[in-house]
Amino acid sequence: MNQATLIVIKPDGLKKSLTGNILTRLSETKLEIVAAKMVRVSKQLAEEHYRHLKNKPFFPEVVKYICGELHNRKKVMALVYWGQEAIPKCRELAGATNPEEADSTSIRGSYGRITTSGVYENVVHVSANPEDAESEIKLWFSPSEIIVDLYSTKELVEKEKKVTVWT
């Protein structure tokens, strides 16, 4: 069954110039990239993405981490991978969330670390299950940014929408 999953190459992955290495590893899955973009992660986006951790004592650090405040790299690369068993394939390649528990051949096992304050700098995010993937993809991407029809959509006419255009 075809699935979609959100992959986020986090600020530490970008700062360490690991984007090419990570994309090469993910190519082993034989999945298709159906959306990709660089994103400046706002506090609002970070808090919504990590809402399931809201009551954890490390929540503020995780928000700072994904926003790039810990690495002076205020961007991430967000991608949607799509294809047969996308979630388990990508999660296996990513490895365990805790880099010290991740297989040494996985992305997190190879490139991740735990900071002295206890934040998992695990280089990538991969959706955990189809429900999370759908909500995360809808949070990070609009339907027009994805080249396949993943979920149902509707068209709206918005009046007086302020947009930035090239001059």
N, C-alpha and C. Protein backbone atom coordinates (compact mmCIF):
# COMPACT_ATOMS: atom_id res chain seq x y z
N MET A 1 0.83 -1.19 0.00
CA MET A 1 0.00 0.00 0.00
C MET A 1 0.88 1.26 0.00
N ASN A 2 0.53 2.21 -0.85
CA ASN A 2 1.28 3.46 -0.87
C ASN A 2 0.95 4.29 0.36
N GLN A 3 1.99 4.87 0.92
CA GLN A 3 1.87 5.74 2.08
C GLN A 3 2.70 6.99 1.83
N ALA A 4 2.40 8.02 2.60
CA ALA A 4 3.23 9.22 2.60
C ALA A 4 3.78 9.40 4.00
N THR A 5 4.96 9.99 4.09
CA THR A 5 5.54 10.31 5.39
C THR A 5 6.26 11.64 5.30
N LEU A 6 6.21 12.38 6.39
CA LEU A 6 6.96 13.62 6.47
C LEU A 6 8.36 13.32 6.97
N ILE A 7 9.34 13.88 6.29
CA ILE A 7 10.73 13.82 6.71
C ILE A 7 11.16 15.27 6.94
N VAL A 8 11.76 15.55 8.07
CA VAL A 8 12.32 16.88 8.31
C VAL A 8 13.80 16.70 8.64
N ILE A 9 14.65 17.30 7.83
CA ILE A 9 16.07 17.34 8.16
C ILE A 9 16.24 18.55 9.06
N LYS A 10 16.58 18.29 10.30
CA LYS A 10 16.57 19.29 11.36
C LYS A 10 17.79 20.21 11.28
N PRO A 11 17.77 21.32 12.04
CA PRO A 11 18.87 22.29 11.97
C PRO A 11 20.27 21.71 12.18
N ASP A 12 20.40 20.74 13.07
CA ASP A 12 21.74 20.16 13.29
C ASP A 12 22.21 19.40 12.06
N GLY A 13 21.29 18.77 11.35
CA GLY A 13 21.64 18.08 10.10
C GLY A 13 22.10 19.05 9.03
N LEU A 14 21.45 20.22 8.97
CA LEU A 14 21.85 21.23 7.99
C LEU A 14 23.18 21.86 8.38
N LYS A 15 23.35 22.17 9.67
CA LYS A 15 24.59 22.80 10.11
C LYS A 15 25.79 21.90 9.86
N LYS A 16 25.61 20.59 10.01
CA LYS A 16 26.70 19.63 9.79
C LYS A 16 26.83 19.23 8.32
N SER A 17 26.07 19.88 7.43
CA SER A 17 26.10 19.60 5.98
C SER A 17 25.80 18.13 5.68
N LEU A 18 24.78 17.60 6.34
CA LEU A 18 24.43 16.18 6.18
C LEU A 18 23.29 15.95 5.19
N THR A 19 22.78 17.01 4.58
CA THR A 19 21.61 16.87 3.71
C THR A 19 21.86 15.84 2.61
N GLY A 20 22.96 15.94 1.92
CA GLY A 20 23.27 14.98 0.84
C GLY A 20 23.38 13.56 1.35
N ASN A 21 24.05 13.39 2.49
CA ASN A 21 24.20 12.05 3.07
C ASN A 21 22.84 11.46 3.44
N ILE A 22 22.00 12.30 4.04
CA ILE A 22 20.67 11.83 4.47
C ILE A 22 19.82 11.47 3.26
N LEU A 23 19.81 12.33 2.25
CA LEU A 23 19.02 12.05 1.05
C LEU A 23 19.53 10.80 0.33
N THR A 24 20.83 10.60 0.32
CA THR A 24 21.40 9.39 -0.27
C THR A 24 20.92 8.16 0.47
N ARG A 25 20.94 8.22 1.80
CA ARG A 25 20.46 7.08 2.60
C ARG A 25 18.98 6.83 2.35
N LEU A 26 18.19 7.92 2.29
CA LEU A 26 16.75 7.75 2.06
C LEU A 26 16.45 7.22 0.67
N SER A 27 17.36 7.43 -0.29
CA SER A 27 17.14 6.91 -1.64
C SER A 27 17.15 5.39 -1.66
N GLU A 28 17.73 4.78 -0.63
CA GLU A 28 17.73 3.31 -0.52
C GLU A 28 16.31 2.75 -0.43
N THR A 29 15.35 3.58 -0.02
CA THR A 29 13.98 3.12 0.14
C THR A 29 13.27 2.95 -1.19
N LYS A 30 13.83 3.54 -2.26
CA LYS A 30 13.20 3.51 -3.60
C LYS A 30 11.84 4.22 -3.60
N LEU A 31 11.66 5.16 -2.67
CA LEU A 31 10.43 5.94 -2.60
C LEU A 31 10.57 7.19 -3.44
N GLU A 32 9.46 7.84 -3.70
CA GLU A 32 9.44 9.07 -4.49
C GLU A 32 9.32 10.28 -3.58
N ILE A 33 10.11 11.32 -3.85
CA ILE A 33 9.93 12.59 -3.16
C ILE A 33 8.83 13.33 -3.91
N VAL A 34 7.73 13.63 -3.21
CA VAL A 34 6.60 14.30 -3.86
C VAL A 34 6.44 15.75 -3.40
N ALA A 35 7.26 16.17 -2.45
CA ALA A 35 7.28 17.56 -2.00
C ALA A 35 8.59 17.81 -1.25
N ALA A 36 9.13 19.02 -1.41
CA ALA A 36 10.36 19.40 -0.71
C ALA A 36 10.44 20.91 -0.63
N LYS A 37 10.90 21.40 0.51
CA LYS A 37 11.11 22.85 0.65
C LYS A 37 11.97 23.13 1.87
N MET A 38 12.61 24.30 1.83
CA MET A 38 13.32 24.82 2.99
C MET A 38 12.31 25.65 3.78
N VAL A 39 12.35 25.51 5.10
CA VAL A 39 11.36 26.18 5.95
C VAL A 39 12.05 26.87 7.11
N ARG A 40 11.69 28.12 7.35
CA ARG A 40 12.03 28.79 8.60
C ARG A 40 10.94 28.40 9.57
N VAL A 41 11.28 27.68 10.59
CA VAL A 41 10.28 27.14 11.50
C VAL A 41 9.91 28.21 12.54
N SER A 42 8.66 28.61 12.51
CA SER A 42 8.17 29.57 13.49
C SER A 42 7.92 28.86 14.81
N LYS A 43 7.85 29.64 15.87
CA LYS A 43 7.54 29.05 17.17
C LYS A 43 6.17 28.37 17.12
N GLN A 44 5.22 28.99 16.42
CA GLN A 44 3.88 28.41 16.30
C GLN A 44 3.92 27.06 15.60
N LEU A 45 4.65 26.96 14.48
CA LEU A 45 4.77 25.68 13.76
C LEU A 45 5.44 24.64 14.64
N ALA A 46 6.51 25.03 15.33
CA ALA A 46 7.24 24.10 16.21
C ALA A 46 6.34 23.58 17.33
N GLU A 47 5.60 24.48 17.95
CA GLU A 47 4.72 24.07 19.05
C GLU A 47 3.60 23.17 18.57
N GLU A 48 3.09 23.43 17.38
CA GLU A 48 2.03 22.58 16.83
C GLU A 48 2.61 21.21 16.44
N HIS A 49 3.78 21.20 15.83
CA HIS A 49 4.41 19.94 15.43
C HIS A 49 4.69 19.05 16.65
N TYR A 50 5.15 19.67 17.73
CA TYR A 50 5.49 18.92 18.95
C TYR A 50 4.42 19.00 20.02
N ARG A 51 3.17 19.25 19.64
CA ARG A 51 2.09 19.41 20.62
C ARG A 51 1.94 18.20 21.54
N HIS A 52 2.27 17.02 21.05
CA HIS A 52 2.18 15.80 21.87
C HIS A 52 3.20 15.79 23.02
N LEU A 53 4.18 16.70 22.97
CA LEU A 53 5.21 16.80 24.02
C LEU A 53 4.98 18.01 24.93
N LYS A 54 3.87 18.70 24.74
CA LYS A 54 3.59 19.97 25.42
C LYS A 54 3.81 19.91 26.93
N ASN A 55 3.46 18.81 27.57
CA ASN A 55 3.57 18.71 29.03
C ASN A 55 4.89 18.13 29.52
N LYS A 56 5.81 17.90 28.62
CA LYS A 56 7.12 17.37 29.00
C LYS A 56 8.04 18.51 29.43
N PRO A 57 8.92 18.27 30.39
CA PRO A 57 9.79 19.34 30.87
C PRO A 57 10.77 19.85 29.80
N PHE A 58 11.05 19.04 28.79
CA PHE A 58 12.01 19.42 27.75
C PHE A 58 11.33 20.11 26.55
N PHE A 59 10.02 20.34 26.61
CA PHE A 59 9.29 20.94 25.50
C PHE A 59 9.90 22.25 25.01
N PRO A 60 10.23 23.20 25.91
CA PRO A 60 10.81 24.46 25.43
C PRO A 60 12.13 24.26 24.67
N GLU A 61 12.95 23.31 25.10
CA GLU A 61 14.22 23.05 24.42
C GLU A 61 13.99 22.43 23.04
N VAL A 62 12.99 21.55 22.94
CA VAL A 62 12.69 20.91 21.65
C VAL A 62 12.20 21.97 20.66
N VAL A 63 11.40 22.91 21.14
CA VAL A 63 10.92 23.99 20.28
C VAL A 63 12.09 24.85 19.82
N LYS A 64 12.98 25.21 20.72
CA LYS A 64 14.17 25.99 20.34
C LYS A 64 15.02 25.22 19.33
N TYR A 65 15.14 23.92 19.55
CA TYR A 65 15.94 23.06 18.68
C TYR A 65 15.42 23.08 17.24
N ILE A 66 14.11 22.79 17.06
CA ILE A 66 13.57 22.70 15.71
C ILE A 66 13.50 24.08 15.05
N CYS A 67 13.42 25.14 15.86
CA CYS A 67 13.43 26.51 15.32
C CYS A 67 14.84 26.95 14.94
N GLY A 68 15.85 26.18 15.29
CA GLY A 68 17.22 26.49 14.92
C GLY A 68 17.96 27.37 15.90
N GLU A 69 17.36 27.65 17.04
CA GLU A 69 17.98 28.55 18.01
C GLU A 69 19.21 27.94 18.69
N LEU A 70 19.31 26.62 18.71
CA LEU A 70 20.45 25.97 19.35
C LEU A 70 21.65 25.84 18.42
N HIS A 71 21.44 26.06 17.12
CA HIS A 71 22.51 25.85 16.13
C HIS A 71 22.77 27.06 15.26
N ASN A 72 22.08 28.16 15.54
CA ASN A 72 22.18 29.34 14.70
C ASN A 72 21.96 28.97 13.24
N ARG A 73 21.02 28.08 13.00
CA ARG A 73 20.67 27.61 11.66
C ARG A 73 19.14 27.57 11.64
N LYS A 74 18.53 28.70 11.35
CA LYS A 74 17.08 28.84 11.51
C LYS A 74 16.31 28.35 10.30
N LYS A 75 16.57 27.11 9.93
CA LYS A 75 15.85 26.50 8.83
C LYS A 75 15.93 24.98 8.93
N VAL A 76 15.00 24.34 8.26
CA VAL A 76 14.99 22.89 8.12
C VAL A 76 14.63 22.58 6.67
N MET A 77 14.86 21.35 6.26
CA MET A 77 14.37 20.89 4.97
C MET A 77 13.23 19.93 5.24
N ALA A 78 12.06 20.24 4.70
CA ALA A 78 10.89 19.39 4.88
C ALA A 78 10.61 18.67 3.56
N LEU A 79 10.35 17.38 3.65
CA LEU A 79 10.10 16.56 2.47
C LEU A 79 8.94 15.62 2.72
N VAL A 80 8.26 15.26 1.66
CA VAL A 80 7.25 14.20 1.73
C VAL A 80 7.73 13.08 0.83
N TYR A 81 7.92 11.93 1.43
CA TYR A 81 8.26 10.71 0.69
C TYR A 81 7.00 9.89 0.53
N TRP A 82 6.85 9.27 -0.64
CA TRP A 82 5.62 8.56 -0.95
C TRP A 82 5.92 7.26 -1.69
N GLY A 83 5.20 6.22 -1.31
CA GLY A 83 5.36 4.94 -1.99
C GLY A 83 5.01 3.78 -1.08
N GLN A 84 5.36 2.60 -1.54
CA GLN A 84 5.05 1.36 -0.84
C GLN A 84 5.71 1.34 0.55
N GLU A 85 4.90 1.25 1.60
CA GLU A 85 5.39 1.13 2.99
C GLU A 85 6.36 2.24 3.36
N ALA A 86 6.05 3.47 2.97
CA ALA A 86 6.97 4.60 3.17
C ALA A 86 7.33 4.81 4.64
N ILE A 87 6.36 4.71 5.53
CA ILE A 87 6.64 5.00 6.94
C ILE A 87 7.61 4.00 7.55
N PRO A 88 7.33 2.70 7.50
CA PRO A 88 8.30 1.78 8.11
C PRO A 88 9.67 1.80 7.44
N LYS A 89 9.72 1.98 6.13
CA LYS A 89 11.01 2.02 5.44
C LYS A 89 11.84 3.21 5.93
N CYS A 90 11.21 4.39 6.01
CA CYS A 90 11.95 5.59 6.42
C CYS A 90 12.30 5.55 7.90
N ARG A 91 11.40 5.03 8.72
CA ARG A 91 11.68 4.95 10.16
C ARG A 91 12.83 3.98 10.44
N GLU A 92 12.88 2.89 9.70
CA GLU A 92 13.98 1.94 9.89
C GLU A 92 15.31 2.58 9.53
N LEU A 93 15.35 3.30 8.41
CA LEU A 93 16.59 3.98 8.02
C LEU A 93 16.98 5.07 9.01
N ALA A 94 15.96 5.77 9.57
CA ALA A 94 16.25 6.85 10.52
C ALA A 94 16.82 6.29 11.82
N GLY A 95 16.29 5.18 12.29
CA GLY A 95 16.74 4.61 13.55
C GLY A 95 15.94 5.13 14.74
N ALA A 96 16.28 4.65 15.91
CA ALA A 96 15.57 5.02 17.14
C ALA A 96 15.68 6.52 17.40
N THR A 97 14.64 7.08 18.03
CA THR A 97 14.61 8.52 18.35
C THR A 97 15.82 8.92 19.18
N ASN A 98 16.16 8.10 20.15
CA ASN A 98 17.34 8.35 20.99
C ASN A 98 18.57 7.90 20.19
N PRO A 99 19.44 8.84 19.82
CA PRO A 99 20.60 8.47 19.00
C PRO A 99 21.50 7.42 19.64
N GLU A 100 21.54 7.37 20.97
CA GLU A 100 22.39 6.38 21.63
C GLU A 100 21.79 4.98 21.57
N GLU A 101 20.48 4.89 21.31
CA GLU A 101 19.82 3.60 21.18
C GLU A 101 19.66 3.19 19.71
N ALA A 102 19.96 4.11 18.81
CA ALA A 102 19.79 3.84 17.38
C ALA A 102 20.91 2.93 16.88
N ASP A 103 20.56 2.06 15.95
CA ASP A 103 21.55 1.21 15.31
C ASP A 103 22.63 2.11 14.70
N SER A 104 23.87 1.72 14.84
CA SER A 104 24.99 2.57 14.39
C SER A 104 24.98 2.80 12.88
N THR A 105 24.27 1.95 12.13
CA THR A 105 24.21 2.14 10.68
C THR A 105 23.03 3.01 10.27
N SER A 106 22.16 3.39 11.20
CA SER A 106 21.01 4.24 10.89
C SER A 106 21.46 5.71 10.81
N ILE A 107 20.59 6.55 10.29
CA ILE A 107 20.90 7.98 10.17
C ILE A 107 21.16 8.58 11.56
N ARG A 108 20.26 8.32 12.50
CA ARG A 108 20.42 8.87 13.84
C ARG A 108 21.59 8.25 14.58
N GLY A 109 21.82 6.97 14.35
CA GLY A 109 22.97 6.31 14.98
C GLY A 109 24.29 6.83 14.45
N SER A 110 24.30 7.19 13.18
CA SER A 110 25.53 7.71 12.57
C SER A 110 25.79 9.17 12.90
N TYR A 111 24.73 9.99 12.94
CA TYR A 111 24.92 11.44 13.00
C TYR A 111 24.32 12.12 14.23
N GLY A 112 23.50 11.42 15.00
CA GLY A 112 22.83 12.06 16.13
C GLY A 112 23.67 12.09 17.39
N ARG A 113 23.20 12.88 18.37
CA ARG A 113 23.85 12.95 19.68
C ARG A 113 22.84 13.45 20.69
N ILE A 114 23.16 13.33 21.95
CA ILE A 114 22.35 13.89 23.02
C ILE A 114 23.16 15.02 23.65
N THR A 115 22.55 16.20 23.75
CA THR A 115 23.27 17.34 24.32
C THR A 115 23.42 17.17 25.83
N THR A 116 24.27 17.97 26.41
CA THR A 116 24.45 17.92 27.87
C THR A 116 23.17 18.29 28.60
N SER A 117 22.28 19.06 27.95
CA SER A 117 20.99 19.40 28.58
C SER A 117 19.95 18.31 28.33
N GLY A 118 20.31 17.26 27.59
CA GLY A 118 19.41 16.13 27.39
C GLY A 118 18.56 16.18 26.13
N VAL A 119 18.76 17.17 25.27
CA VAL A 119 18.00 17.25 24.02
C VAL A 119 18.57 16.24 23.03
N TYR A 120 17.67 15.47 22.41
CA TYR A 120 18.09 14.54 21.36
C TYR A 120 18.30 15.32 20.07
N GLU A 121 19.53 15.49 19.67
CA GLU A 121 19.83 16.06 18.36
C GLU A 121 19.91 14.87 17.41
N ASN A 122 18.75 14.51 16.88
CA ASN A 122 18.70 13.26 16.12
C ASN A 122 18.56 13.48 14.61
N VAL A 123 18.89 14.65 14.14
CA VAL A 123 19.12 14.97 12.74
C VAL A 123 17.86 14.96 11.86
N VAL A 124 16.98 13.98 12.04
CA VAL A 124 15.79 13.89 11.19
C VAL A 124 14.54 13.58 12.00
N HIS A 125 13.43 14.01 11.44
CA HIS A 125 12.11 13.60 11.95
C HIS A 125 11.48 12.74 10.87
N VAL A 126 10.83 11.66 11.28
CA VAL A 126 10.05 10.81 10.37
C VAL A 126 8.72 10.53 11.06
N SER A 127 7.62 10.70 10.34
CA SER A 127 6.30 10.43 10.91
C SER A 127 6.24 9.01 11.48
N ALA A 128 5.53 8.88 12.60
CA ALA A 128 5.48 7.60 13.32
C ALA A 128 4.46 6.63 12.76
N ASN A 129 3.36 7.13 12.21
CA ASN A 129 2.27 6.28 11.74
C ASN A 129 1.45 7.05 10.71
N PRO A 130 0.52 6.40 10.02
CA PRO A 130 -0.25 7.10 8.98
C PRO A 130 -1.04 8.31 9.49
N GLU A 131 -1.58 8.22 10.69
CA GLU A 131 -2.36 9.34 11.25
C GLU A 131 -1.45 10.54 11.50
N ASP A 132 -0.30 10.29 12.12
CA ASP A 132 0.65 11.38 12.35
C ASP A 132 1.15 11.95 11.03
N ALA A 133 1.42 11.07 10.07
CA ALA A 133 1.91 11.53 8.77
C ALA A 133 0.91 12.49 8.13
N GLU A 134 -0.35 12.14 8.15
CA GLU A 134 -1.36 13.01 7.53
C GLU A 134 -1.43 14.36 8.23
N SER A 135 -1.49 14.38 9.55
CA SER A 135 -1.59 15.67 10.24
C SER A 135 -0.31 16.48 10.08
N GLU A 136 0.85 15.82 10.10
CA GLU A 136 2.11 16.54 9.94
C GLU A 136 2.28 17.09 8.52
N ILE A 137 1.94 16.30 7.53
CA ILE A 137 2.05 16.76 6.14
C ILE A 137 1.13 17.95 5.92
N LYS A 138 -0.08 17.87 6.44
CA LYS A 138 -1.03 18.98 6.30
C LYS A 138 -0.56 20.22 7.06
N LEU A 139 0.19 20.03 8.12
CA LEU A 139 0.73 21.15 8.88
C LEU A 139 1.87 21.83 8.12
N TRP A 140 2.73 21.06 7.50
CA TRP A 140 3.95 21.58 6.86
C TRP A 140 3.76 21.97 5.40
N PHE A 141 2.78 21.39 4.70
CA PHE A 141 2.61 21.62 3.27
C PHE A 141 1.16 21.95 2.92
N SER A 142 1.00 22.77 1.90
CA SER A 142 -0.34 22.99 1.34
C SER A 142 -0.53 21.98 0.21
N PRO A 143 -1.78 21.70 -0.19
CA PRO A 143 -2.00 20.73 -1.27
C PRO A 143 -1.26 21.08 -2.56
N SER A 144 -1.13 22.37 -2.86
CA SER A 144 -0.48 22.78 -4.11
C SER A 144 1.03 22.54 -4.11
N GLU A 145 1.61 22.27 -2.95
CA GLU A 145 3.06 22.04 -2.86
C GLU A 145 3.43 20.56 -3.03
N ILE A 146 2.43 19.71 -3.14
CA ILE A 146 2.66 18.26 -3.24
C ILE A 146 2.21 17.81 -4.63
N ILE A 147 3.05 17.04 -5.31
CA ILE A 147 2.78 16.72 -6.72
C ILE A 147 1.85 15.51 -6.93
N VAL A 148 1.40 14.88 -5.87
CA VAL A 148 0.38 13.83 -5.99
C VAL A 148 -0.78 14.21 -5.05
N ASP A 149 -1.94 13.66 -5.32
CA ASP A 149 -3.10 13.92 -4.47
C ASP A 149 -3.10 12.92 -3.32
N LEU A 150 -2.61 13.37 -2.18
CA LEU A 150 -2.51 12.48 -1.02
C LEU A 150 -3.81 12.39 -0.24
N TYR A 151 -4.46 13.53 -0.06
CA TYR A 151 -5.66 13.61 0.79
C TYR A 151 -6.72 14.43 0.06
N SER A 152 -7.95 14.31 0.51
CA SER A 152 -9.01 15.07 -0.14
C SER A 152 -8.79 16.57 0.08
N THR A 153 -9.22 17.35 -0.90
CA THR A 153 -9.05 18.80 -0.85
C THR A 153 -10.35 19.47 -1.25
N LYS A 154 -10.40 20.78 -1.05
CA LYS A 154 -11.50 21.59 -1.55
C LYS A 154 -10.91 22.92 -1.98
N GLU A 155 -11.62 23.61 -2.85
CA GLU A 155 -11.15 24.91 -3.32
C GLU A 155 -11.93 26.00 -2.62
N LEU A 156 -11.21 27.03 -2.20
CA LEU A 156 -11.81 28.20 -1.57
C LEU A 156 -11.41 29.43 -2.36
N VAL A 157 -12.26 30.42 -2.36
CA VAL A 157 -11.92 31.72 -2.93
C VAL A 157 -11.71 32.66 -1.76
N GLU A 158 -10.50 33.15 -1.65
CA GLU A 158 -10.18 34.06 -0.55
C GLU A 158 -10.08 35.48 -1.09
N LYS A 159 -10.76 36.39 -0.45
CA LYS A 159 -10.71 37.79 -0.86
C LYS A 159 -9.73 38.55 0.01
N GLU A 160 -9.10 39.54 -0.58
CA GLU A 160 -8.18 40.43 0.12
C GLU A 160 -7.06 39.68 0.83
N LYS A 161 -6.58 38.66 0.19
CA LYS A 161 -5.45 37.92 0.75
C LYS A 161 -4.16 38.65 0.39
N LYS A 162 -3.38 38.96 1.40
CA LYS A 162 -2.11 39.64 1.18
C LYS A 162 -1.04 38.62 0.81
N VAL A 163 -0.39 38.86 -0.32
CA VAL A 163 0.68 37.96 -0.76
C VAL A 163 1.90 38.77 -1.14
N THR A 164 3.05 38.16 -1.05
CA THR A 164 4.30 38.79 -1.46
C THR A 164 4.64 38.27 -2.85
N VAL A 165 4.93 39.20 -3.76
CA VAL A 165 5.29 38.82 -5.12
C VAL A 165 6.62 39.44 -5.47
N TRP A 166 7.25 38.92 -6.51
CA TRP A 166 8.52 39.47 -6.98
C TRP A 166 8.28 40.80 -7.66
N THR A 167 9.21 41.75 -7.50
CA THR A 167 9.08 43.05 -8.19
C THR A 167 9.95 43.10 -9.42
